[in-house]
Amino acid sequence: MKKRAIGGLLLAAVAFPATAFADWSRSYVVEWNEPAMYYGAKSGVTEPGTDCPKGTNPEIDWIKVLGESGYTATEAKWLRDPANPTRSPVHGQNQMAFRGKDRANVYIHPETIADPGLTGVTGTIAEGVDLDGNAKTGFVSPTGDKGVDNVFYRTLGCWKTYRAPPRLSSGALQFNDAMRNGGWTTVIVVSGKGKNPMNDANAKVGIYASADKMVKDGNGEIARDYTFRIQPHPKYEGVFSAKVKNGVITSTAASDMTMRDASYTQDLELLRAQVKLTMQADGSLKGYLGGYRPWFPVYKGWINARGPVIEALTWVQLPGVYYALKRNADFSPVGASGEKTHISYAMRIDALPAFVMTPDASKEATEIVSYKAQALADTDKPQKWTVWDDGGVIPDKVAKMQAGPVTPLNVPAGYGGAGGQ
């Protein structure tokens, strides 16, 4: 008798009788997800490629940037000098934020400086989904499909934090590690009314949260065929009508949804979302979830993750990210004439076969329905962050000098140091 693991216990398969709501069903747990960023280089992260002919943004001369922002050459060198006691090895130099007009915080008020620029994708190939049904617009997929809408990739795909072969970008590695170590779990259920799961014109897809952590095998990879209960959640859920052709699951109607995001934003809100997922011969599931996401939370997530540190490590000026997202946004929820507050986006998904149960674990979840109404009131408690809503800086409450627009820089008398980057 095959056993299934759930919540650390082994339960007999016969304890969960299949329901009669679907003729067939497949269930999965998402073991990896990341922004779908097509990689066009032969090797490396910063090197030129078909996606980014000039490579990524070059490393920034911050002393020059500070000088152009009104600091004297001596002040700029002192701010970047590791010997400066106000420069934290963990949080960077908070004073870097105050380089806008009249020393405004450029993270909170990015438009107080001119657009510093951000290298964007100029290649014609992208991964994702055709969101607007227009094959004449958008990118061409790696397999030749036309009309792929992924302006998020066009905007940020040459930023080195996103750029790398699949599963190797620094951002994806960081956040998927958090998910795989128990931070959150996402499950997918696909079911249909036909006799052949590989070809069914009447299928459905459900994307749900689970409170059960994934389990790793002896090699440190996520184990297959474990059992997960759906956790009713007021936000994290997506339900799609779909069709299956030769194992490719494609949504037949767009649907708004939100899921846990593998990034600083936490929430991935998608309007007019669609899926394109392929059932693999080994039982796994691979493909894309696409839609239009709000662009400002993306920027806010990066600035609040210690703006000076992000800028120094990833070679961008964050106001440039703001300008680029705002300039390239391509969707308005209120119509074509409204402000473009959203940007087309695609997530790459890798999922493993799993047993997905209804919330009470009484049976396998084969009927694709919404569980939002069953969510407990405290399910969506905001996650506590040590780095959040401080305008991109980390105040040092015990420091004699706080960073700010009128903070004295206390450059040592006779200082002529070389500073640093």
Protein backbone atom coordinates (compact mmCIF):
# COMPACT_ATOMS: atom_id res chain seq x y z
CA MET A 1 0.00 0.00 0.00
CA LYS A 2 1.45 3.36 -1.00
CA LYS A 3 1.95 5.82 1.84
CA ARG A 4 1.73 9.60 1.69
CA ALA A 5 3.51 12.00 3.99
CA ILE A 6 1.63 14.99 5.40
CA GLY A 7 2.60 17.20 8.28
CA GLY A 8 5.39 14.78 9.23
CA LEU A 9 3.02 11.76 9.40
CA LEU A 10 2.53 8.86 7.03
CA LEU A 11 -1.07 8.21 6.08
CA ALA A 12 -2.46 5.38 3.97
CA ALA A 13 -3.59 6.36 0.50
CA VAL A 14 -6.96 4.68 1.02
CA ALA A 15 -7.74 7.22 3.73
CA PHE A 16 -8.25 9.82 1.01
CA PRO A 17 -10.78 8.51 -1.50
CA ALA A 18 -10.78 10.27 -4.85
CA THR A 19 -13.73 12.50 -5.59
CA ALA A 20 -15.98 12.22 -8.62
CA PHE A 21 -15.74 15.87 -9.62
CA ALA A 22 -13.19 15.27 -12.37
CA ASP A 23 -12.41 12.49 -14.82
CA TRP A 24 -8.69 13.07 -14.28
CA SER A 25 -6.44 15.26 -12.17
CA ARG A 26 -2.77 16.03 -11.68
CA SER A 27 -1.29 17.74 -8.62
CA TYR A 28 2.03 19.48 -8.09
CA VAL A 29 4.11 21.48 -5.64
CA VAL A 30 6.09 24.44 -6.97
CA GLU A 31 9.75 23.77 -6.20
CA TRP A 32 11.14 26.77 -8.12
CA ASN A 33 9.76 30.00 -9.52
CA GLU A 34 11.47 33.09 -10.84
CA PRO A 35 10.88 35.96 -13.27
CA ALA A 36 11.05 34.60 -16.82
CA MET A 37 14.22 36.33 -18.05
CA TYR A 38 15.55 34.93 -21.31
CA TYR A 39 19.34 34.64 -21.15
CA GLY A 40 21.13 35.45 -24.40
CA ALA A 41 24.81 35.30 -23.45
CA LYS A 42 27.13 32.33 -23.91
CA SER A 43 28.44 32.59 -20.36
CA GLY A 44 28.71 34.94 -17.42
CA VAL A 45 26.30 37.47 -15.97
CA THR A 46 27.60 40.84 -17.13
CA GLU A 47 28.88 39.79 -20.56
CA PRO A 48 27.21 40.88 -23.83
CA GLY A 49 24.61 38.61 -25.44
CA THR A 50 21.71 38.66 -27.86
CA ASP A 51 19.50 39.91 -25.03
CA CYS A 52 21.87 42.66 -23.88
CA PRO A 53 24.39 43.47 -26.64
CA LYS A 54 26.30 45.83 -24.34
CA GLY A 55 26.08 43.57 -21.33
CA THR A 56 24.70 44.75 -18.01
CA ASN A 57 25.07 48.15 -16.41
CA PRO A 58 28.74 48.83 -15.68
CA GLU A 59 29.92 49.21 -12.11
CA ILE A 60 29.10 52.71 -10.89
CA ASP A 61 31.61 55.38 -9.90
CA TRP A 62 29.78 56.49 -6.76
CA ILE A 63 32.26 59.24 -5.97
CA LYS A 64 31.44 60.80 -9.35
CA VAL A 65 27.69 60.33 -8.75
CA LEU A 66 27.90 62.03 -5.36
CA GLY A 67 29.92 64.87 -6.85
CA GLU A 68 27.25 65.41 -9.51
CA SER A 69 24.67 65.44 -6.69
CA GLY A 70 26.23 68.45 -4.95
CA TYR A 71 28.73 66.89 -2.60
CA THR A 72 32.31 68.17 -2.79
CA ALA A 73 34.97 65.77 -4.01
CA THR A 74 36.31 65.49 -0.47
CA GLU A 75 32.86 64.81 0.98
CA ALA A 76 32.17 62.20 -1.69
CA LYS A 77 35.42 60.39 -0.97
CA TRP A 78 34.75 60.47 2.78
CA LEU A 79 31.24 59.04 2.35
CA ARG A 80 32.63 56.12 0.35
CA ASP A 81 35.64 55.56 2.59
CA PRO A 82 35.40 52.29 4.59
CA ALA A 83 37.08 54.17 7.45
CA ASN A 84 34.07 56.47 7.80
CA PRO A 85 32.33 55.34 11.02
CA THR A 86 28.89 56.16 9.54
CA ARG A 87 29.38 53.60 6.78
CA SER A 88 28.03 50.27 8.03
CA PRO A 89 29.55 47.08 6.62
CA VAL A 90 26.04 45.58 6.73
CA HIS A 91 23.73 48.44 5.77
CA GLY A 92 26.03 50.59 3.67
CA GLN A 93 26.23 54.37 3.78
CA ASN A 94 22.78 55.79 4.59
CA GLN A 95 23.82 59.25 3.49
CA MET A 96 23.89 57.89 -0.08
CA ALA A 97 20.11 58.23 -0.10
CA PHE A 98 20.29 62.01 0.25
CA ARG A 99 21.55 62.96 -3.17
CA GLY A 100 18.46 64.51 -4.74
CA LYS A 101 17.58 68.16 -5.17
CA ASP A 102 18.07 69.98 -1.85
CA ARG A 103 19.43 66.68 -0.50
CA ALA A 104 16.10 64.92 -0.89
CA ASN A 105 16.00 61.15 -0.33
CA VAL A 106 16.19 59.83 -3.90
CA TYR A 107 14.63 56.51 -2.93
CA ILE A 108 11.45 58.17 -1.65
CA HIS A 109 11.60 61.01 -4.20
CA PRO A 110 13.35 59.56 -7.27
CA GLU A 111 12.13 62.35 -9.50
CA THR A 112 14.31 64.85 -7.63
CA ILE A 113 17.18 63.70 -9.86
CA ALA A 114 17.35 63.23 -13.61
CA ASP A 115 16.93 59.70 -14.89
CA PRO A 116 20.36 58.09 -14.46
CA GLY A 117 19.45 55.44 -17.02
CA LEU A 118 19.12 51.69 -16.89
CA THR A 119 20.34 49.26 -19.53
CA GLY A 120 17.32 47.49 -21.00
CA VAL A 121 16.85 44.42 -23.19
CA THR A 122 17.06 45.05 -26.94
CA GLY A 123 16.85 41.42 -28.07
CA THR A 124 13.71 40.08 -29.74
CA ILE A 125 13.37 36.76 -27.87
CA ALA A 126 11.55 36.40 -24.56
CA GLU A 127 9.80 33.79 -22.45
CA GLY A 128 6.22 34.13 -21.27
CA VAL A 129 2.63 34.30 -22.45
CA ASP A 130 0.68 36.21 -25.08
CA LEU A 131 -1.47 38.31 -22.77
CA ASP A 132 -3.26 40.57 -25.25
CA GLY A 133 -3.96 38.03 -27.99
CA ASN A 134 -2.04 40.09 -30.53
CA ALA A 135 0.70 38.10 -32.25
CA LYS A 136 1.97 41.27 -33.92
CA THR A 137 3.10 42.82 -30.65
CA GLY A 138 5.59 41.63 -28.09
CA PHE A 139 8.49 39.19 -28.32
CA VAL A 140 9.04 35.88 -30.07
CA SER A 141 9.43 32.90 -27.74
CA PRO A 142 12.52 30.64 -27.86
CA THR A 143 10.35 28.08 -29.69
CA GLY A 144 9.06 30.59 -32.26
CA ASP A 145 5.68 31.58 -30.80
CA LYS A 146 4.85 35.21 -31.48
CA GLY A 147 3.22 37.87 -29.33
CA VAL A 148 4.90 37.14 -25.98
CA ASP A 149 4.14 40.03 -23.60
CA ASN A 150 6.89 40.50 -21.02
CA VAL A 151 7.82 44.17 -20.70
CA PHE A 152 9.11 43.48 -17.18
CA TYR A 153 11.87 41.49 -18.87
CA ARG A 154 12.48 44.20 -21.46
CA THR A 155 12.90 46.69 -18.61
CA LEU A 156 14.97 44.77 -16.05
CA GLY A 157 16.44 41.83 -17.98
CA CYS A 158 19.90 43.43 -18.25
CA TRP A 159 20.10 44.17 -14.52
CA LYS A 160 22.65 41.70 -13.22
CA THR A 161 20.55 40.69 -10.25
CA TYR A 162 18.05 39.13 -12.69
CA ARG A 163 20.35 38.07 -15.54
CA ALA A 164 21.62 34.48 -15.69
CA PRO A 165 20.66 31.08 -17.09
CA PRO A 166 17.52 29.58 -15.54
CA ARG A 167 17.79 28.95 -11.79
CA LEU A 168 21.14 30.72 -11.49
CA SER A 169 20.41 34.44 -11.09
CA SER A 170 21.40 35.88 -7.71
CA GLY A 171 17.84 37.03 -6.98
CA ALA A 172 16.26 33.67 -7.87
CA LEU A 173 18.78 31.74 -5.81
CA GLN A 174 18.20 33.90 -2.75
CA PHE A 175 14.43 33.83 -2.72
CA ASN A 176 13.89 30.27 -3.87
CA ASP A 177 16.22 29.14 -1.11
CA ALA A 178 13.89 30.86 1.36
CA MET A 179 10.86 29.12 -0.16
CA ARG A 180 12.51 25.71 -0.31
CA ASN A 181 13.57 26.00 3.33
CA GLY A 182 9.98 26.42 4.48
CA GLY A 183 9.17 30.10 3.97
CA TRP A 184 6.02 29.32 1.99
CA THR A 185 4.55 26.64 -0.26
CA THR A 186 2.52 26.88 -3.47
CA VAL A 187 0.60 23.95 -4.97
CA ILE A 188 -1.05 23.48 -8.35
CA VAL A 189 -3.98 21.23 -9.23
CA VAL A 190 -5.04 20.50 -12.82
CA SER A 191 -8.18 18.52 -13.65
CA GLY A 192 -10.40 17.82 -16.62
CA LYS A 193 -13.59 16.24 -17.91
CA GLY A 194 -12.16 14.23 -20.77
CA LYS A 195 -10.75 10.75 -21.10
CA ASN A 196 -7.27 11.86 -22.12
CA PRO A 197 -5.38 14.18 -19.76
CA MET A 198 -2.95 15.08 -22.54
CA ASN A 199 -5.73 16.41 -24.77
CA ASP A 200 -8.78 17.91 -23.09
CA ALA A 201 -10.77 20.95 -24.16
CA ASN A 202 -12.45 21.24 -20.74
CA ALA A 203 -9.78 21.53 -18.06
CA LYS A 204 -9.18 23.74 -15.05
CA VAL A 205 -6.12 24.90 -13.11
CA GLY A 206 -5.98 25.90 -9.45
CA ILE A 207 -3.01 27.60 -7.80
CA TYR A 208 -3.18 27.58 -4.01
CA ALA A 209 -1.16 28.23 -0.87
CA SER A 210 -0.25 25.45 1.54
CA ALA A 211 0.97 25.66 5.12
CA ASP A 212 2.88 22.39 4.76
CA LYS A 213 6.60 22.74 4.16
CA MET A 214 8.35 20.98 1.34
CA VAL A 215 10.66 18.07 2.15
CA LYS A 216 14.19 17.66 0.79
CA ASP A 217 15.75 14.40 -0.29
CA GLY A 218 19.25 13.18 0.50
CA ASN A 219 20.72 15.38 -2.23
CA GLY A 220 19.14 18.54 -0.87
CA GLU A 221 16.55 18.69 -3.65
CA ILE A 222 12.78 18.90 -3.12
CA ALA A 223 11.29 15.43 -2.82
CA ARG A 224 8.50 14.26 -5.11
CA ASP A 225 5.15 12.74 -4.16
CA TYR A 226 4.70 14.31 -0.75
CA THR A 227 1.28 15.40 0.43
CA PHE A 228 0.19 19.01 0.99
CA ARG A 229 -3.05 20.45 2.28
CA ILE A 230 -4.50 23.51 0.61
CA GLN A 231 -4.50 26.42 3.03
CA PRO A 232 -7.47 28.71 2.33
CA HIS A 233 -6.03 32.19 1.92
CA PRO A 234 -7.78 35.53 1.34
CA LYS A 235 -5.27 36.48 -1.39
CA TYR A 236 -3.03 33.66 -2.54
CA GLU A 237 -5.15 31.80 -5.05
CA GLY A 238 -5.75 31.55 -8.77
CA VAL A 239 -8.41 29.59 -10.65
CA PHE A 240 -8.32 29.21 -14.44
CA SER A 241 -10.39 27.59 -17.16
CA ALA A 242 -8.02 25.88 -19.56
CA LYS A 243 -7.47 23.43 -22.38
CA VAL A 244 -4.83 20.76 -22.83
CA LYS A 245 -3.25 19.96 -26.19
CA ASN A 246 -0.39 17.47 -26.44
CA GLY A 247 0.27 17.97 -22.74
CA VAL A 248 0.41 21.77 -22.92
CA ILE A 249 -2.06 23.41 -20.53
CA THR A 250 -3.19 26.82 -21.74
CA SER A 251 -5.73 29.03 -20.01
CA THR A 252 -8.77 29.83 -22.13
CA ALA A 253 -9.79 32.94 -20.18
CA ALA A 254 -7.80 35.48 -18.20
CA SER A 255 -8.23 35.61 -14.42
CA ASP A 256 -7.02 38.01 -11.72
CA MET A 257 -4.99 36.38 -8.97
CA THR A 258 -2.31 36.86 -6.32
CA MET A 259 0.35 34.44 -5.17
CA ARG A 260 3.33 34.57 -2.83
CA ASP A 261 6.15 36.22 -4.73
CA ALA A 262 9.75 35.08 -4.59
CA SER A 263 11.05 38.63 -4.14
CA TYR A 264 11.09 41.53 -1.70
CA THR A 265 7.56 42.48 -2.76
CA GLN A 266 6.13 39.28 -1.15
CA ASP A 267 2.86 39.54 -3.12
CA LEU A 268 2.62 38.92 -6.86
CA GLU A 269 -0.65 40.49 -7.88
CA LEU A 270 -1.51 39.69 -11.50
CA LEU A 271 -4.36 41.17 -13.49
CA ARG A 272 -5.63 39.26 -16.55
CA ALA A 273 -3.35 36.39 -15.63
CA GLN A 274 -2.89 33.38 -17.88
CA VAL A 275 -1.00 30.11 -17.66
CA LYS A 276 0.96 28.05 -20.16
CA LEU A 277 2.24 24.91 -18.47
CA THR A 278 3.55 21.66 -19.94
CA MET A 279 3.17 18.24 -18.35
CA GLN A 280 6.55 16.52 -18.59
CA ALA A 281 7.21 12.85 -19.26
CA ASP A 282 8.75 12.45 -15.80
CA GLY A 283 5.56 13.68 -14.12
CA SER A 284 6.75 17.21 -13.42
CA LEU A 285 5.24 20.46 -14.68
CA LYS A 286 7.05 23.36 -16.32
CA GLY A 287 5.93 26.60 -17.87
CA TYR A 288 4.76 30.12 -17.25
CA LEU A 289 2.30 32.20 -15.31
CA GLY A 290 1.85 35.62 -16.88
CA GLY A 291 -0.17 38.75 -16.25
CA TYR A 292 0.03 42.46 -15.55
CA ARG A 293 1.61 43.30 -12.19
CA PRO A 294 1.77 46.69 -10.40
CA TRP A 295 5.21 48.09 -11.07
CA PHE A 296 5.59 50.41 -8.07
CA PRO A 297 5.73 47.64 -5.42
CA VAL A 298 8.64 46.15 -7.36
CA TYR A 299 10.57 49.41 -7.00
CA LYS A 300 9.48 49.82 -3.38
CA GLY A 301 10.68 46.33 -2.53
CA TRP A 302 14.16 47.05 -3.84
CA ILE A 303 14.59 50.43 -2.16
CA ASN A 304 13.44 49.11 1.19
CA ALA A 305 15.85 46.21 1.05
CA ARG A 306 18.62 48.63 2.12
CA GLY A 307 18.86 50.91 -0.90
CA PRO A 308 22.59 51.74 -0.59
CA VAL A 309 23.46 48.04 -0.37
CA ILE A 310 21.32 47.07 -3.36
CA GLU A 311 22.82 49.87 -5.44
CA ALA A 312 26.41 48.97 -4.53
CA LEU A 313 26.03 45.23 -5.06
CA THR A 314 23.90 45.26 -8.21
CA TRP A 315 25.43 48.22 -10.10
CA VAL A 316 22.30 50.33 -10.58
CA GLN A 317 21.00 53.61 -9.31
CA LEU A 318 17.59 52.69 -7.99
CA PRO A 319 15.95 55.90 -9.27
CA GLY A 320 16.87 54.54 -12.71
CA VAL A 321 14.79 51.44 -11.94
CA TYR A 322 11.89 53.71 -10.98
CA TYR A 323 12.10 55.71 -14.20
CA ALA A 324 12.43 52.60 -16.36
CA LEU A 325 9.44 50.81 -14.82
CA LYS A 326 7.28 53.90 -15.00
CA ARG A 327 8.30 54.65 -18.58
CA ASN A 328 7.73 51.10 -19.84
CA ALA A 329 4.53 50.23 -17.95
CA ASP A 330 2.06 48.94 -20.53
CA PHE A 331 -1.28 48.37 -18.80
CA SER A 332 -3.94 50.38 -17.00
CA PRO A 333 -6.74 48.64 -15.07
CA VAL A 334 -9.14 51.43 -16.00
CA GLY A 335 -8.61 51.27 -19.74
CA ALA A 336 -6.31 52.42 -22.51
CA SER A 337 -6.58 56.08 -21.52
CA GLY A 338 -5.74 55.47 -17.84
CA GLU A 339 -2.39 55.76 -16.11
CA LYS A 340 -0.17 52.77 -16.81
CA THR A 341 0.24 51.40 -13.30
CA HIS A 342 0.97 47.80 -14.34
CA ILE A 343 3.57 46.06 -16.46
CA SER A 344 3.35 42.78 -18.37
CA TYR A 345 5.21 40.01 -16.59
CA ALA A 346 5.89 36.30 -16.74
CA MET A 347 7.01 33.87 -14.05
CA ARG A 348 8.88 30.69 -14.87
CA ILE A 349 7.51 27.74 -12.86
CA ASP A 350 9.00 24.32 -12.11
CA ALA A 351 6.73 21.97 -10.16
CA LEU A 352 7.01 18.38 -8.98
CA PRO A 353 4.25 15.77 -8.71
CA ALA A 354 2.59 15.81 -5.31
CA PHE A 355 -0.60 14.81 -3.55
CA VAL A 356 -2.70 17.90 -2.89
CA MET A 357 -5.52 17.54 -0.38
CA THR A 358 -8.55 19.62 0.48
CA PRO A 359 -8.04 21.88 3.52
CA ASP A 360 -9.39 19.26 5.95
CA ALA A 361 -7.19 16.58 4.35
CA SER A 362 -10.22 14.32 3.90
CA LYS A 363 -9.72 13.78 0.17
CA GLU A 364 -7.60 14.74 -2.78
CA ALA A 365 -8.41 18.14 -4.26
CA THR A 366 -9.60 17.28 -7.75
CA GLU A 367 -12.33 19.89 -8.07
CA ILE A 368 -10.89 23.33 -8.91
CA VAL A 369 -12.78 25.76 -6.69
CA SER A 370 -12.06 28.89 -4.69
CA TYR A 371 -11.28 28.43 -1.00
CA LYS A 372 -11.01 32.13 -0.14
CA ALA A 373 -14.28 32.13 1.78
CA GLN A 374 -12.85 29.52 4.15
CA ALA A 375 -9.75 31.57 5.03
CA LEU A 376 -9.25 32.34 8.71
CA ALA A 377 -9.14 35.98 9.74
CA ASP A 378 -5.48 35.83 10.79
CA THR A 379 -4.21 33.90 7.75
CA ASP A 380 -2.90 37.02 6.05
CA LYS A 381 -0.93 38.55 8.89
CA PRO A 382 1.68 40.92 7.46
CA GLN A 383 5.18 39.49 7.62
CA LYS A 384 7.42 41.36 10.03
CA TRP A 385 10.42 42.85 8.31
CA THR A 386 13.49 44.31 9.93
CA VAL A 387 14.06 46.25 6.72
CA TRP A 388 10.89 47.95 5.58
CA ASP A 389 9.36 51.41 5.14
CA ASP A 390 12.46 53.33 6.21
CA GLY A 391 12.92 55.01 2.86
CA GLY A 392 15.69 52.68 1.81
CA VAL A 393 17.94 53.44 4.79
CA ILE A 394 18.49 51.72 8.12
CA PRO A 395 18.49 54.30 10.93
CA ASP A 396 21.19 53.69 13.53
CA LYS A 397 19.37 54.64 16.71
CA VAL A 398 22.54 54.80 18.78
CA ALA A 399 24.64 56.76 16.30
CA LYS A 400 25.67 60.31 17.19
CA MET A 401 24.96 61.40 13.64
CA GLN A 402 21.91 60.28 11.67
CA ALA A 403 21.89 60.42 7.88
CA GLY A 404 19.76 63.20 6.51
CA PRO A 405 19.59 66.28 4.28
CA VAL A 406 21.33 68.52 6.82
CA THR A 407 23.57 65.97 8.51
CA PRO A 408 27.12 67.29 9.07
CA LEU A 409 29.53 64.93 7.36
CA ASN A 410 32.39 65.51 9.82
CA VAL A 411 35.15 65.13 7.27
CA PRO A 412 38.42 64.84 9.25
CA ALA A 413 40.63 67.91 9.09
CA GLY A 414 43.16 67.61 6.30
CA TYR A 415 41.40 64.53 4.87
CA GLY A 416 42.49 63.65 1.38
CA GLY A 417 41.73 59.97 1.25
CA ALA A 418 41.11 58.07 -1.93
CA GLY A 419 37.68 56.95 -0.72
CA GLY A 420 36.22 53.81 -2.25
CA GLN A 421 33.47 52.55 -4.47
